[in-house]
Amino acid sequence: MDNVEQSLSRIRAAIEKLHLAAAQDHDAQRAHAARWLEGLFENIESREQLREAARKALELYRGGMGSFQDVGTAVMDDAVSGLRRALGSARSWLLRS
């Protein structure tokens, strides 16, 4: 199982992929969500902080403005799916400090 640093690295890579997909799709709402996510995962130092940030980030999958419920392109679907996987693994109780 991953440790906090590995999980953070995977999440940050997924956020970067989301940035690129948003730019390619000219999707201002998801570009804004990617910036918000960057800030959310900026100063993570512990497993507890990572789990809480991942919990907050997963709320983007519930729907609403800028949500990840309705992706329109394969590029965005890949970015959003990868981010969901990275966030889900960060929520695991098996994550090492």
Protein backbone atom coordinates (compact mmCIF):
# COMPACT_ATOMS: atom_id res chain seq x y z
CA MET A 1 0.00 0.00 0.00
CA ASP A 2 1.12 3.58 -0.66
CA ASN A 3 2.47 6.00 1.87
CA VAL A 4 1.32 9.63 2.14
CA GLU A 5 4.03 10.98 -0.15
CA GLN A 6 3.30 8.45 -2.91
CA SER A 7 -0.42 9.09 -2.67
CA LEU A 8 0.07 12.86 -2.79
CA SER A 9 2.30 12.50 -5.83
CA ARG A 10 -0.37 10.45 -7.61
CA ILE A 11 -3.08 12.99 -6.72
CA ARG A 12 -0.99 15.94 -7.88
CA ALA A 13 -0.25 14.18 -11.19
CA ALA A 14 -3.99 13.55 -11.63
CA ILE A 15 -4.74 17.22 -10.91
CA GLU A 16 -2.18 18.24 -13.54
CA LYS A 17 -3.87 15.90 -16.01
CA LEU A 18 -7.19 17.55 -15.15
CA HIS A 19 -5.64 20.98 -15.85
CA LEU A 20 -4.50 19.79 -19.28
CA ALA A 21 -7.88 18.24 -20.10
CA ALA A 22 -9.70 21.41 -19.03
CA ALA A 23 -7.43 23.52 -21.24
CA GLN A 24 -7.94 21.19 -24.20
CA ASP A 25 -11.72 21.18 -23.72
CA HIS A 26 -11.89 24.93 -22.93
CA ASP A 27 -13.70 23.97 -19.72
CA ALA A 28 -13.50 26.93 -17.35
CA GLN A 29 -15.45 25.24 -14.54
CA ARG A 30 -13.16 22.24 -14.39
CA ALA A 31 -10.09 24.47 -14.72
CA HIS A 32 -11.38 26.29 -11.63
CA ALA A 33 -11.93 22.94 -9.87
CA ALA A 34 -8.35 21.93 -10.71
CA ARG A 35 -7.01 25.15 -9.17
CA TRP A 36 -9.13 24.57 -6.07
CA LEU A 37 -7.79 21.01 -5.83
CA GLU A 38 -4.20 22.25 -6.08
CA GLY A 39 -4.79 24.49 -3.08
CA LEU A 40 -6.53 21.73 -1.17
CA PHE A 41 -3.51 19.41 -1.50
CA GLU A 42 -0.84 22.10 -1.16
CA ASN A 43 0.25 21.79 2.49
CA ILE A 44 -0.55 18.18 3.34
CA GLU A 45 1.80 16.74 5.96
CA SER A 46 -0.05 13.84 7.57
CA ARG A 47 -2.20 10.87 6.72
CA GLU A 48 -5.13 12.49 8.50
CA GLN A 49 -4.81 15.71 6.48
CA LEU A 50 -4.58 13.72 3.26
CA ARG A 51 -7.65 11.64 4.07
CA GLU A 52 -9.67 14.77 4.93
CA ALA A 53 -8.58 16.62 1.78
CA ALA A 54 -9.45 13.57 -0.33
CA ARG A 55 -12.87 13.39 1.33
CA LYS A 56 -13.53 17.04 0.45
CA ALA A 57 -12.28 16.56 -3.11
CA LEU A 58 -14.52 13.55 -3.68
CA GLU A 59 -17.52 15.84 -3.14
CA LEU A 60 -16.91 17.08 -6.71
CA TYR A 61 -18.31 13.74 -7.89
CA ARG A 62 -21.71 14.41 -6.28
CA GLY A 63 -22.92 16.88 -8.89
CA GLY A 64 -23.50 20.59 -9.26
CA MET A 65 -21.52 23.38 -10.90
CA GLY A 66 -18.08 22.20 -11.99
CA SER A 67 -18.82 18.67 -10.86
CA PHE A 68 -17.39 15.56 -12.41
CA GLN A 69 -20.76 13.89 -13.05
CA ASP A 70 -21.00 14.60 -16.77
CA VAL A 71 -17.70 14.53 -18.63
CA GLY A 72 -18.08 15.26 -22.32
CA THR A 73 -14.87 13.99 -23.90
CA ALA A 74 -12.63 10.95 -23.63
CA VAL A 75 -9.74 13.15 -22.50
CA MET A 76 -11.79 14.60 -19.64
CA ASP A 77 -13.19 11.19 -18.74
CA ASP A 78 -9.65 9.81 -18.45
CA ALA A 79 -8.55 12.76 -16.28
CA VAL A 80 -11.60 12.58 -14.01
CA SER A 81 -11.42 8.79 -13.66
CA GLY A 82 -7.72 8.91 -12.79
CA LEU A 83 -8.35 11.58 -10.19
CA ARG A 84 -11.16 9.54 -8.64
CA ARG A 85 -8.87 6.51 -8.33
CA ALA A 86 -6.08 8.58 -6.76
CA LEU A 87 -8.46 10.21 -4.29
CA GLY A 88 -10.07 6.88 -3.41
CA SER A 89 -6.72 5.29 -2.58
CA ALA A 90 -5.88 8.29 -0.36
CA ARG A 91 -9.00 7.57 1.70
CA SER A 92 -7.86 4.02 2.47
CA TRP A 93 -7.23 3.12 6.09
CA LEU A 94 -4.30 1.06 4.82
CA LEU A 95 -2.41 4.19 3.75
CA ARG A 96 0.91 4.36 5.61
CA SER A 97 2.18 7.55 7.24
